[in-house]
Amino acid sequence: VDIFFIDWERPQVHGLTTKLTSPKSNERSTGEVSAALNTKKD
């Protein structure tokens, strides 16, 4: 089975975060998701 543990804990200090952590109000399309993931992959 494919299993993953999602940790919802937020950092106690402000750090650099990716755009995938944006709230619901900043919803994006699947194309934007793929672009963000590819950028991170590099």
PDB file of all heavy atoms in Angstrom:
ATOM      1  N   VAL A   1       0.835  -1.192   0.000  1.00  0.00           N
ATOM      2  CA  VAL A   1       0.000   0.000   0.000  1.00  0.00           C
ATOM      3  C   VAL A   1       0.875   1.249   0.000  1.00  0.00           C
ATOM      4  O   VAL A   1       2.006   1.243   0.514  1.00  0.00           O
ATOM      5  CB  VAL A   1      -0.955   0.020   1.220  1.00  0.00           C
ATOM      6  CG1 VAL A   1      -1.925  -1.136   1.173  1.00  0.00           C
ATOM      7  CG2 VAL A   1      -0.172   0.024   2.519  1.00  0.00           C
ATOM      8  N   ASP A   2       0.359   2.311  -0.568  1.00  0.00           N
ATOM      9  CA  ASP A   2       1.041   3.610  -0.518  1.00  0.00           C
ATOM     10  C   ASP A   2       0.531   4.358   0.704  1.00  0.00           C
ATOM     11  O   ASP A   2      -0.674   4.637   0.814  1.00  0.00           O
ATOM     12  CB  ASP A   2       0.757   4.404  -1.788  1.00  0.00           C
ATOM     13  CG  ASP A   2       1.416   3.791  -3.009  1.00  0.00           C
ATOM     14  OD1 ASP A   2       2.605   4.037  -3.228  1.00  0.00           O
ATOM     15  OD2 ASP A   2       0.725   3.038  -3.738  1.00  0.00           O
ATOM     16  N   ILE A   3       1.414   4.664   1.605  1.00  0.00           N
ATOM     17  CA  ILE A   3       1.030   5.289   2.865  1.00  0.00           C
ATOM     18  C   ILE A   3       1.918   6.485   3.137  1.00  0.00           C
ATOM     19  O   ILE A   3       3.118   6.477   2.804  1.00  0.00           O
ATOM     20  CB  ILE A   3       1.108   4.260   4.021  1.00  0.00           C
ATOM     21  CG1 ILE A   3       0.699   4.893   5.349  1.00  0.00           C
ATOM     22  CG2 ILE A   3       2.497   3.651   4.111  1.00  0.00           C
ATOM     23  CD1 ILE A   3       0.560   3.893   6.479  1.00  0.00           C
ATOM     24  N   PHE A   4       1.316   7.503   3.720  1.00  0.00           N
ATOM     25  CA  PHE A   4       2.082   8.698   4.066  1.00  0.00           C
ATOM     26  C   PHE A   4       1.473   9.320   5.324  1.00  0.00           C
ATOM     27  O   PHE A   4       0.252   9.332   5.506  1.00  0.00           O
ATOM     28  CB  PHE A   4       2.070   9.718   2.936  1.00  0.00           C
ATOM     29  CG  PHE A   4       3.120  10.782   3.073  1.00  0.00           C
ATOM     30  CD1 PHE A   4       4.415  10.559   2.641  1.00  0.00           C
ATOM     31  CD2 PHE A   4       2.820  12.006   3.664  1.00  0.00           C
ATOM     32  CE1 PHE A   4       5.397  11.523   2.785  1.00  0.00           C
ATOM     33  CE2 PHE A   4       3.786  12.981   3.818  1.00  0.00           C
ATOM     34  CZ  PHE A   4       5.086  12.742   3.377  1.00  0.00           C
ATOM     35  N   PHE A   5       2.341   9.840   6.188  1.00  0.00           N
ATOM     36  CA  PHE A   5       1.925  10.487   7.431  1.00  0.00           C
ATOM     37  C   PHE A   5       2.040  11.999   7.253  1.00  0.00           C
ATOM     38  O   PHE A   5       3.137  12.521   7.064  1.00  0.00           O
ATOM     39  CB  PHE A   5       2.785  10.010   8.601  1.00  0.00           C
ATOM     40  CG  PHE A   5       2.691   8.535   8.857  1.00  0.00           C
ATOM     41  CD1 PHE A   5       3.598   7.658   8.281  1.00  0.00           C
ATOM     42  CD2 PHE A   5       1.677   8.018   9.651  1.00  0.00           C
ATOM     43  CE1 PHE A   5       3.516   6.294   8.503  1.00  0.00           C
ATOM     44  CE2 PHE A   5       1.573   6.653   9.878  1.00  0.00           C
ATOM     45  CZ  PHE A   5       2.497   5.794   9.299  1.00  0.00           C
ATOM     46  N   ILE A   6       0.899  12.675   7.314  1.00  0.00           N
ATOM     47  CA  ILE A   6       0.839  14.126   7.100  1.00  0.00           C
ATOM     48  C   ILE A   6       0.964  14.832   8.447  1.00  0.00           C
ATOM     49  O   ILE A   6       0.082  14.721   9.299  1.00  0.00           O
ATOM     50  CB  ILE A   6      -0.477  14.533   6.417  1.00  0.00           C
ATOM     51  CG1 ILE A   6      -0.668  13.745   5.119  1.00  0.00           C
ATOM     52  CG2 ILE A   6      -0.505  16.023   6.147  1.00  0.00           C
ATOM     53  CD1 ILE A   6      -2.019  13.988   4.462  1.00  0.00           C
ATOM     54  N   ASP A   7       2.037  15.540   8.626  1.00  0.00           N
ATOM     55  CA  ASP A   7       2.276  16.290   9.870  1.00  0.00           C
ATOM     56  C   ASP A   7       1.707  17.689   9.701  1.00  0.00           C
ATOM     57  O   ASP A   7       2.151  18.463   8.851  1.00  0.00           O
ATOM     58  CB  ASP A   7       3.767  16.337  10.166  1.00  0.00           C
ATOM     59  CG  ASP A   7       4.063  16.899  11.544  1.00  0.00           C
ATOM     60  OD1 ASP A   7       3.112  17.352  12.217  1.00  0.00           O
ATOM     61  OD2 ASP A   7       5.236  16.875  11.957  1.00  0.00           O
ATOM     62  N   TRP A   8       0.711  18.037  10.530  1.00  0.00           N
ATOM     63  CA  TRP A   8       0.049  19.339  10.430  1.00  0.00           C
ATOM     64  C   TRP A   8       0.729  20.411  11.282  1.00  0.00           C
ATOM     65  O   TRP A   8       0.288  21.568  11.272  1.00  0.00           O
ATOM     66  CB  TRP A   8      -1.410  19.222  10.862  1.00  0.00           C
ATOM     67  CG  TRP A   8      -2.231  18.315  10.008  1.00  0.00           C
ATOM     68  CD1 TRP A   8      -2.594  17.037  10.288  1.00  0.00           C
ATOM     69  CD2 TRP A   8      -2.792  18.617   8.727  1.00  0.00           C
ATOM     70  NE1 TRP A   8      -3.348  16.521   9.256  1.00  0.00           N
ATOM     71  CE2 TRP A   8      -3.487  17.475   8.286  1.00  0.00           C
ATOM     72  CE3 TRP A   8      -2.772  19.747   7.900  1.00  0.00           C
ATOM     73  CZ2 TRP A   8      -4.168  17.412   7.078  1.00  0.00           C
ATOM     74  CZ3 TRP A   8      -3.445  19.697   6.694  1.00  0.00           C
ATOM     75  CH2 TRP A   8      -4.134  18.548   6.290  1.00  0.00           C
ATOM     76  N   GLU A   9       1.749  20.047  12.010  1.00  0.00           N
ATOM     77  CA  GLU A   9       2.406  21.006  12.904  1.00  0.00           C
ATOM     78  C   GLU A   9       3.063  22.125  12.104  1.00  0.00           C
ATOM     79  O   GLU A   9       3.724  21.874  11.086  1.00  0.00           O
ATOM     80  CB  GLU A   9       3.444  20.286  13.747  1.00  0.00           C
ATOM     81  CG  GLU A   9       3.898  21.061  14.967  1.00  0.00           C
ATOM     82  CD  GLU A   9       2.888  21.026  16.084  1.00  0.00           C
ATOM     83  OE1 GLU A   9       1.894  20.279  15.976  1.00  0.00           O
ATOM     84  OE2 GLU A   9       3.086  21.736  17.079  1.00  0.00           O
ATOM     85  N   ARG A  10       2.884  23.337  12.564  1.00  0.00           N
ATOM     86  CA  ARG A  10       3.499  24.490  11.917  1.00  0.00           C
ATOM     87  C   ARG A  10       4.787  24.870  12.632  1.00  0.00           C
ATOM     88  O   ARG A  10       4.915  24.677  13.845  1.00  0.00           O
ATOM     89  CB  ARG A  10       2.537  25.694  11.934  1.00  0.00           C
ATOM     90  CG  ARG A  10       1.227  25.445  11.219  1.00  0.00           C
ATOM     91  CD  ARG A  10       1.429  25.046   9.787  1.00  0.00           C
ATOM     92  NE  ARG A  10       0.179  24.831   9.083  1.00  0.00           N
ATOM     93  CZ  ARG A  10       0.076  24.273   7.886  1.00  0.00           C
ATOM     94  NH1 ARG A  10       1.171  23.847   7.275  1.00  0.00           N
ATOM     95  NH2 ARG A  10      -1.098  24.103   7.313  1.00  0.00           N
ATOM     96  N   PRO A  11       5.753  25.410  11.899  1.00  0.00           N
ATOM     97  CA  PRO A  11       7.014  25.819  12.541  1.00  0.00           C
ATOM     98  C   PRO A  11       6.773  26.871  13.612  1.00  0.00           C
ATOM     99  O   PRO A  11       5.902  27.743  13.476  1.00  0.00           O
ATOM    100  CB  PRO A  11       7.834  26.378  11.381  1.00  0.00           C
ATOM    101  CG  PRO A  11       7.217  25.799  10.145  1.00  0.00           C
ATOM    102  CD  PRO A  11       5.773  25.624  10.442  1.00  0.00           C
ATOM    103  N   GLN A  12       7.531  26.781  14.697  1.00  0.00           N
ATOM    104  CA  GLN A  12       7.415  27.753  15.771  1.00  0.00           C
ATOM    105  C   GLN A  12       8.082  29.073  15.415  1.00  0.00           C
ATOM    106  O   GLN A  12       7.767  30.100  15.987  1.00  0.00           O
ATOM    107  CB  GLN A  12       8.046  27.191  17.050  1.00  0.00           C
ATOM    108  CG  GLN A  12       7.354  25.934  17.581  1.00  0.00           C
ATOM    109  CD  GLN A  12       5.921  26.200  17.981  1.00  0.00           C
ATOM    110  OE1 GLN A  12       5.599  27.274  18.496  1.00  0.00           O
ATOM    111  NE2 GLN A  12       5.054  25.230  17.745  1.00  0.00           N
ATOM    112  N   VAL A  13       9.012  29.028  14.461  1.00  0.00           N
ATOM    113  CA  VAL A  13       9.672  30.251  14.006  1.00  0.00           C
ATOM    114  C   VAL A  13       9.326  30.454  12.551  1.00  0.00           C
ATOM    115  O   VAL A  13       9.016  29.514  11.828  1.00  0.00           O
ATOM    116  CB  VAL A  13      11.200  30.161  14.185  1.00  0.00           C
ATOM    117  CG1 VAL A  13      11.561  30.071  15.655  1.00  0.00           C
ATOM    118  CG2 VAL A  13      11.763  28.970  13.429  1.00  0.00           C
ATOM    119  N   HIS A  14       9.366  31.706  12.102  1.00  0.00           N
ATOM    120  CA  HIS A  14       9.067  32.007  10.718  1.00  0.00           C
ATOM    121  C   HIS A  14      10.198  31.548   9.825  1.00  0.00           C
ATOM    122  O   HIS A  14      11.360  31.866  10.056  1.00  0.00           O
ATOM    123  CB  HIS A  14       8.845  33.515  10.546  1.00  0.00           C
ATOM    124  CG  HIS A  14       7.642  34.009  11.277  1.00  0.00           C
ATOM    125  ND1 HIS A  14       6.365  33.722  10.888  1.00  0.00           N
ATOM    126  CD2 HIS A  14       7.545  34.771  12.398  1.00  0.00           C
ATOM    127  CE1 HIS A  14       5.509  34.294  11.718  1.00  0.00           C
ATOM    128  NE2 HIS A  14       6.206  34.939  12.655  1.00  0.00           N
ATOM    129  N   GLY A  15       9.841  30.754   8.831  1.00  0.00           N
ATOM    130  CA  GLY A  15      10.847  30.266   7.900  1.00  0.00           C
ATOM    131  C   GLY A  15      10.354  30.420   6.484  1.00  0.00           C
ATOM    132  O   GLY A  15       9.270  30.925   6.218  1.00  0.00           O
ATOM    133  N   LEU A  16      11.191  29.976   5.597  1.00  0.00           N
ATOM    134  CA  LEU A  16      10.842  30.049   4.190  1.00  0.00           C
ATOM    135  C   LEU A  16       9.890  28.922   3.865  1.00  0.00           C
ATOM    136  O   LEU A  16      10.183  27.767   4.135  1.00  0.00           O
ATOM    137  CB  LEU A  16      12.105  29.919   3.342  1.00  0.00           C
ATOM    138  CG  LEU A  16      12.003  30.377   1.881  1.00  0.00           C
ATOM    139  CD1 LEU A  16      11.664  31.842   1.812  1.00  0.00           C
ATOM    140  CD2 LEU A  16      13.302  30.056   1.153  1.00  0.00           C
ATOM    141  N   THR A  17       8.727  29.188   3.322  1.00  0.00           N
ATOM    142  CA  THR A  17       7.726  28.180   3.009  1.00  0.00           C
ATOM    143  C   THR A  17       7.422  28.206   1.542  1.00  0.00           C
ATOM    144  O   THR A  17       7.607  29.198   0.855  1.00  0.00           O
ATOM    145  CB  THR A  17       6.422  28.431   3.796  1.00  0.00           C
ATOM    146  OG1 THR A  17       5.944  29.731   3.492  1.00  0.00           O
ATOM    147  CG2 THR A  17       6.662  28.315   5.296  1.00  0.00           C
ATOM    148  N   THR A  18       6.927  27.096   1.065  1.00  0.00           N
ATOM    149  CA  THR A  18       6.565  26.994  -0.338  1.00  0.00           C
ATOM    150  C   THR A  18       5.147  27.466  -0.555  1.00  0.00           C
ATOM    151  O   THR A  18       4.361  27.593   0.372  1.00  0.00           O
ATOM    152  CB  THR A  18       6.684  25.544  -0.810  1.00  0.00           C
ATOM    153  OG1 THR A  18       5.753  24.770  -0.065  1.00  0.00           O
ATOM    154  CG2 THR A  18       8.079  24.990  -0.589  1.00  0.00           C
ATOM    155  N   LYS A  19       4.790  27.688  -1.798  1.00  0.00           N
ATOM    156  CA  LYS A  19       3.474  28.192  -2.118  1.00  0.00           C
ATOM    157  C   LYS A  19       2.375  27.155  -1.961  1.00  0.00           C
ATOM    158  O   LYS A  19       1.210  27.489  -2.017  1.00  0.00           O
ATOM    159  CB  LYS A  19       3.463  28.725  -3.558  1.00  0.00           C
ATOM    160  CG  LYS A  19       4.323  29.956  -3.749  1.00  0.00           C
ATOM    161  CD  LYS A  19       4.185  30.492  -5.161  1.00  0.00           C
ATOM    162  CE  LYS A  19       5.004  31.774  -5.350  1.00  0.00           C
ATOM    163  NZ  LYS A  19       4.857  32.311  -6.699  1.00  0.00           N
ATOM    164  N   LEU A  20       2.769  25.914  -1.761  1.00  0.00           N
ATOM    165  CA  LEU A  20       1.747  24.880  -1.598  1.00  0.00           C
ATOM    166  C   LEU A  20       1.055  24.972  -0.256  1.00  0.00           C
ATOM    167  O   LEU A  20       0.081  24.298  -0.025  1.00  0.00           O
ATOM    168  CB  LEU A  20       2.385  23.509  -1.751  1.00  0.00           C
ATOM    169  CG  LEU A  20       2.755  23.095  -3.160  1.00  0.00           C
ATOM    170  CD1 LEU A  20       3.447  21.747  -3.125  1.00  0.00           C
ATOM    171  CD2 LEU A  20       1.530  23.036  -4.048  1.00  0.00           C
ATOM    172  N   THR A  21       1.541  25.802   0.681  1.00  0.00           N
ATOM    173  CA  THR A  21       0.921  25.925   1.991  1.00  0.00           C
ATOM    174  C   THR A  21      -0.067  27.074   2.048  1.00  0.00           C
ATOM    175  O   THR A  21      -0.491  27.465   3.105  1.00  0.00           O
ATOM    176  CB  THR A  21       2.002  26.143   3.057  1.00  0.00           C
ATOM    177  OG1 THR A  21       2.743  27.329   2.739  1.00  0.00           O
ATOM    178  CG2 THR A  21       2.952  24.964   3.122  1.00  0.00           C
ATOM    179  N   SER A  22      -0.449  27.611   0.930  1.00  0.00           N
ATOM    180  CA  SER A  22      -1.361  28.747   0.932  1.00  0.00           C
ATOM    181  C   SER A  22      -2.729  28.335   1.418  1.00  0.00           C
ATOM    182  O   SER A  22      -3.141  27.202   1.271  1.00  0.00           O
ATOM    183  CB  SER A  22      -1.490  29.310  -0.492  1.00  0.00           C
ATOM    184  OG  SER A  22      -2.002  28.323  -1.346  1.00  0.00           O
ATOM    185  N   PRO A  23      -3.486  29.232   2.057  1.00  0.00           N
ATOM    186  CA  PRO A  23      -4.815  28.907   2.550  1.00  0.00           C
ATOM    187  C   PRO A  23      -5.798  28.741   1.414  1.00  0.00           C
ATOM    188  O   PRO A  23      -5.501  28.957   0.254  1.00  0.00           O
ATOM    189  CB  PRO A  23      -5.158  30.124   3.426  1.00  0.00           C
ATOM    190  CG  PRO A  23      -4.320  31.237   2.864  1.00  0.00           C
ATOM    191  CD  PRO A  23      -3.067  30.612   2.370  1.00  0.00           C
ATOM    192  N   LYS A  24      -7.032  28.354   1.810  1.00  0.00           N
ATOM    193  CA  LYS A  24      -8.053  28.106   0.811  1.00  0.00           C
ATOM    194  C   LYS A  24      -8.324  29.319  -0.054  1.00  0.00           C
ATOM    195  O   LYS A  24      -8.673  29.215  -1.220  1.00  0.00           O
ATOM    196  CB  LYS A  24      -9.352  27.687   1.497  1.00  0.00           C
ATOM    197  CG  LYS A  24      -9.265  26.385   2.239  1.00  0.00           C
ATOM    198  CD  LYS A  24     -10.614  26.079   2.842  1.00  0.00           C
ATOM    199  CE  LYS A  24     -10.544  24.879   3.746  1.00  0.00           C
ATOM    200  NZ  LYS A  24     -11.827  24.609   4.373  1.00  0.00           N
ATOM    201  N   SER A  25      -8.181  30.489   0.528  1.00  0.00           N
ATOM    202  CA  SER A  25      -8.515  31.702  -0.220  1.00  0.00           C
ATOM    203  C   SER A  25      -7.597  31.914  -1.405  1.00  0.00           C
ATOM    204  O   SER A  25      -7.914  32.660  -2.321  1.00  0.00           O
ATOM    205  CB  SER A  25      -8.426  32.915   0.719  1.00  0.00           C
ATOM    206  OG  SER A  25      -7.126  32.990   1.278  1.00  0.00           O
ATOM    207  N   ASN A  26      -6.439  31.245  -1.375  1.00  0.00           N
ATOM    208  CA  ASN A  26      -5.494  31.373  -2.485  1.00  0.00           C
ATOM    209  C   ASN A  26      -5.450  30.095  -3.299  1.00  0.00           C
ATOM    210  O   ASN A  26      -4.391  29.567  -3.604  1.00  0.00           O
ATOM    211  CB  ASN A  26      -4.092  31.690  -1.949  1.00  0.00           C
ATOM    212  CG  ASN A  26      -4.031  33.058  -1.312  1.00  0.00           C
ATOM    213  OD1 ASN A  26      -4.750  33.959  -1.727  1.00  0.00           O
ATOM    214  ND2 ASN A  26      -3.188  33.196  -0.306  1.00  0.00           N
ATOM    215  N   GLU A  27      -6.610  29.531  -3.639  1.00  0.00           N
ATOM    216  CA  GLU A  27      -6.670  28.300  -4.410  1.00  0.00           C
ATOM    217  C   GLU A  27      -6.017  28.499  -5.766  1.00  0.00           C
ATOM    218  O   GLU A  27      -6.059  29.571  -6.346  1.00  0.00           O
ATOM    219  CB  GLU A  27      -8.128  27.870  -4.594  1.00  0.00           C
ATOM    220  CG  GLU A  27      -8.796  27.437  -3.295  1.00  0.00           C
ATOM    221  CD  GLU A  27     -10.230  27.045  -3.543  1.00  0.00           C
ATOM    222  OE1 GLU A  27     -10.747  27.407  -4.626  1.00  0.00           O
ATOM    223  OE2 GLU A  27     -10.834  26.393  -2.684  1.00  0.00           O
ATOM    224  N   ARG A  28      -5.428  27.412  -6.274  1.00  0.00           N
ATOM    225  CA  ARG A  28      -4.779  27.502  -7.566  1.00  0.00           C
ATOM    226  C   ARG A  28      -5.180  26.310  -8.409  1.00  0.00           C
ATOM    227  O   ARG A  28      -5.692  25.324  -7.906  1.00  0.00           O
ATOM    228  CB  ARG A  28      -3.257  27.532  -7.394  1.00  0.00           C
ATOM    229  CG  ARG A  28      -2.709  26.216  -6.918  1.00  0.00           C
ATOM    230  CD  ARG A  28      -1.574  26.333  -5.978  1.00  0.00           C
ATOM    231  NE  ARG A  28      -1.814  27.280  -4.939  1.00  0.00           N
ATOM    232  CZ  ARG A  28      -0.835  27.996  -4.400  1.00  0.00           C
ATOM    233  NH1 ARG A  28       0.380  27.879  -4.849  1.00  0.00           N
ATOM    234  NH2 ARG A  28      -1.092  28.825  -3.436  1.00  0.00           N
ATOM    235  N   SER A  29      -4.877  26.390  -9.672  1.00  0.00           N
ATOM    236  CA  SER A  29      -5.235  25.318 -10.594  1.00  0.00           C
ATOM    237  C   SER A  29      -4.202  24.213 -10.534  1.00  0.00           C
ATOM    238  O   SER A  29      -3.129  24.363  -9.961  1.00  0.00           O
ATOM    239  CB  SER A  29      -5.310  25.864 -12.026  1.00  0.00           C
ATOM    240  OG  SER A  29      -4.031  26.294 -12.453  1.00  0.00           O
ATOM    241  N   THR A  30      -4.541  23.096 -11.185  1.00  0.00           N
ATOM    242  CA  THR A  30      -3.624  21.963 -11.208  1.00  0.00           C
ATOM    243  C   THR A  30      -2.352  22.307 -11.949  1.00  0.00           C
ATOM    244  O   THR A  30      -1.257  21.852 -11.597  1.00  0.00           O
ATOM    245  CB  THR A  30      -4.298  20.761 -11.879  1.00  0.00           C
ATOM    246  OG1 THR A  30      -5.561  20.532 -11.241  1.00  0.00           O
ATOM    247  CG2 THR A  30      -3.439  19.521 -11.771  1.00  0.00           C
ATOM    248  N   GLY A  31      -2.432  23.119 -12.986  1.00  0.00           N
ATOM    249  CA  GLY A  31      -1.238  23.522 -13.718  1.00  0.00           C
ATOM    250  C   GLY A  31      -0.286  24.297 -12.844  1.00  0.00           C
ATOM    251  O   GLY A  31       0.931  24.108 -12.892  1.00  0.00           O
ATOM    252  N   GLU A  32      -0.826  25.170 -12.000  1.00  0.00           N
ATOM    253  CA  GLU A  32       0.027  25.931 -11.097  1.00  0.00           C
ATOM    254  C   GLU A  32       0.653  25.008 -10.050  1.00  0.00           C
ATOM    255  O   GLU A  32       1.796  25.203  -9.630  1.00  0.00           O
ATOM    256  CB  GLU A  32      -0.789  27.024 -10.410  1.00  0.00           C
ATOM    257  CG  GLU A  32      -1.244  28.127 -11.378  1.00  0.00           C
ATOM    258  CD  GLU A  32      -2.200  29.092 -10.702  1.00  0.00           C
ATOM    259  OE1 GLU A  32      -3.103  28.611  -9.996  1.00  0.00           O
ATOM    260  OE2 GLU A  32      -2.041  30.303 -10.875  1.00  0.00           O
ATOM    261  N   VAL A  33      -0.107  23.993  -9.640  1.00  0.00           N
ATOM    262  CA  VAL A  33       0.431  23.034  -8.681  1.00  0.00           C
ATOM    263  C   VAL A  33       1.623  22.308  -9.286  1.00  0.00           C
ATOM    264  O   VAL A  33       2.677  22.167  -8.677  1.00  0.00           O
ATOM    265  CB  VAL A  33      -0.663  22.017  -8.274  1.00  0.00           C
ATOM    266  CG1 VAL A  33      -0.062  20.938  -7.396  1.00  0.00           C
ATOM    267  CG2 VAL A  33      -1.790  22.724  -7.554  1.00  0.00           C
ATOM    268  N   SER A  34       1.448  21.844 -10.528  1.00  0.00           N
ATOM    269  CA  SER A  34       2.537  21.128 -11.198  1.00  0.00           C
ATOM    270  C   SER A  34       3.761  22.014 -11.363  1.00  0.00           C
ATOM    271  O   SER A  34       4.898  21.574 -11.188  1.00  0.00           O
ATOM    272  CB  SER A  34       2.076  20.616 -12.561  1.00  0.00           C
ATOM    273  OG  SER A  34       0.980  19.757 -12.412  1.00  0.00           O
ATOM    274  N   ALA A  35       3.549  23.277 -11.698  1.00  0.00           N
ATOM    275  CA  ALA A  35       4.667  24.192 -11.856  1.00  0.00           C
ATOM    276  C   ALA A  35       5.405  24.380 -10.544  1.00  0.00           C
ATOM    277  O   ALA A  35       6.639  24.402 -10.497  1.00  0.00           O
ATOM    278  CB  ALA A  35       4.160  25.538 -12.387  1.00  0.00           C
ATOM    279  N   ALA A  36       4.637  24.520  -9.464  1.00  0.00           N
ATOM    280  CA  ALA A  36       5.277  24.684  -8.157  1.00  0.00           C
ATOM    281  C   ALA A  36       6.064  23.451  -7.767  1.00  0.00           C
ATOM    282  O   ALA A  36       7.161  23.529  -7.221  1.00  0.00           O
ATOM    283  CB  ALA A  36       4.216  24.996  -7.095  1.00  0.00           C
ATOM    284  N   LEU A  37       5.488  22.287  -8.060  1.00  0.00           N
ATOM    285  CA  LEU A  37       6.182  21.047  -7.718  1.00  0.00           C
ATOM    286  C   LEU A  37       7.442  20.876  -8.538  1.00  0.00           C
ATOM    287  O   LEU A  37       8.465  20.427  -8.040  1.00  0.00           O
ATOM    288  CB  LEU A  37       5.244  19.860  -7.939  1.00  0.00           C
ATOM    289  CG  LEU A  37       4.039  19.803  -6.999  1.00  0.00           C
ATOM    290  CD1 LEU A  37       3.140  18.648  -7.400  1.00  0.00           C
ATOM    291  CD2 LEU A  37       4.476  19.668  -5.561  1.00  0.00           C
ATOM    292  N   ASN A  38       7.391  21.226  -9.826  1.00  0.00           N
ATOM    293  CA  ASN A  38       8.573  21.110 -10.681  1.00  0.00           C
ATOM    294  C   ASN A  38       9.674  22.054 -10.238  1.00  0.00           C
ATOM    295  O   ASN A  38      10.856  21.741 -10.306  1.00  0.00           O
ATOM    296  CB  ASN A  38       8.194  21.378 -12.142  1.00  0.00           C
ATOM    297  CG  ASN A  38       7.361  20.256 -12.721  1.00  0.00           C
ATOM    298  OD1 ASN A  38       7.486  19.108 -12.311  1.00  0.00           O
ATOM    299  ND2 ASN A  38       6.497  20.577 -13.671  1.00  0.00           N
ATOM    300  N   THR A  39       9.265  23.264  -9.810  1.00  0.00           N
ATOM    301  CA  THR A  39      10.248  24.218  -9.309  1.00  0.00           C
ATOM    302  C   THR A  39      10.941  23.679  -8.074  1.00  0.00           C
ATOM    303  O   THR A  39      12.157  23.784  -7.909  1.00  0.00           O
ATOM    304  CB  THR A  39       9.570  25.562  -8.974  1.00  0.00           C
ATOM    305  OG1 THR A  39       8.937  26.048 -10.153  1.00  0.00           O
ATOM    306  CG2 THR A  39      10.582  26.565  -8.471  1.00  0.00           C
ATOM    307  N   LYS A  40      10.132  23.085  -7.205  1.00  0.00           N
ATOM    308  CA  LYS A  40      10.706  22.512  -5.999  1.00  0.00           C
ATOM    309  C   LYS A  40      11.588  21.320  -6.319  1.00  0.00           C
ATOM    310  O   LYS A  40      12.626  21.098  -5.681  1.00  0.00           O
ATOM    311  CB  LYS A  40       9.559  22.083  -5.063  1.00  0.00           C
ATOM    312  CG  LYS A  40      10.018  21.606  -3.689  1.00  0.00           C
ATOM    313  CD  LYS A  40      10.550  22.737  -2.866  1.00  0.00           C
ATOM    314  CE  LYS A  40      10.949  22.266  -1.486  1.00  0.00           C
ATOM    315  NZ  LYS A  40      11.526  23.328  -0.680  1.00  0.00           N
ATOM    316  N   LYS A  41      11.188  20.559  -7.309  1.00  0.00           N
ATOM    317  CA  LYS A  41      11.949  19.362  -7.678  1.00  0.00           C
ATOM    318  C   LYS A  41      13.354  19.718  -8.150  1.00  0.00           C
ATOM    319  O   LYS A  41      14.309  18.971  -7.941  1.00  0.00           O
ATOM    320  CB  LYS A  41      11.190  18.594  -8.751  1.00  0.00           C
ATOM    321  CG  LYS A  41      11.868  17.317  -9.188  1.00  0.00           C
ATOM    322  CD  LYS A  41      11.040  16.633 -10.256  1.00  0.00           C
ATOM    323  CE  LYS A  41      11.743  15.392 -10.763  1.00  0.00           C
ATOM    324  NZ  LYS A  41      10.968  14.730 -11.817  1.00  0.00           N
ATOM    325  N   ASP A  42      13.501  20.854  -8.798  1.00  0.00           N
ATOM    326  CA  ASP A  42      14.804  21.258  -9.304  1.00  0.00           C
ATOM    327  C   ASP A  42      15.801  21.507  -8.179  1.00  0.00           C
ATOM    328  O   ASP A  42      17.010  21.533  -8.403  1.00  0.00           O
ATOM    329  CB  ASP A  42      14.674  22.528 -10.158  1.00  0.00           C
ATOM    330  CG  ASP A  42      13.875  22.251 -11.434  1.00  0.00           C
ATOM    331  OD1 ASP A  42      13.824  21.069 -11.844  1.00  0.00           O
ATOM    332  OD2 ASP A  42      13.308  23.211 -11.987  1.00  0.00           O
TER     333      ASP A  42
END
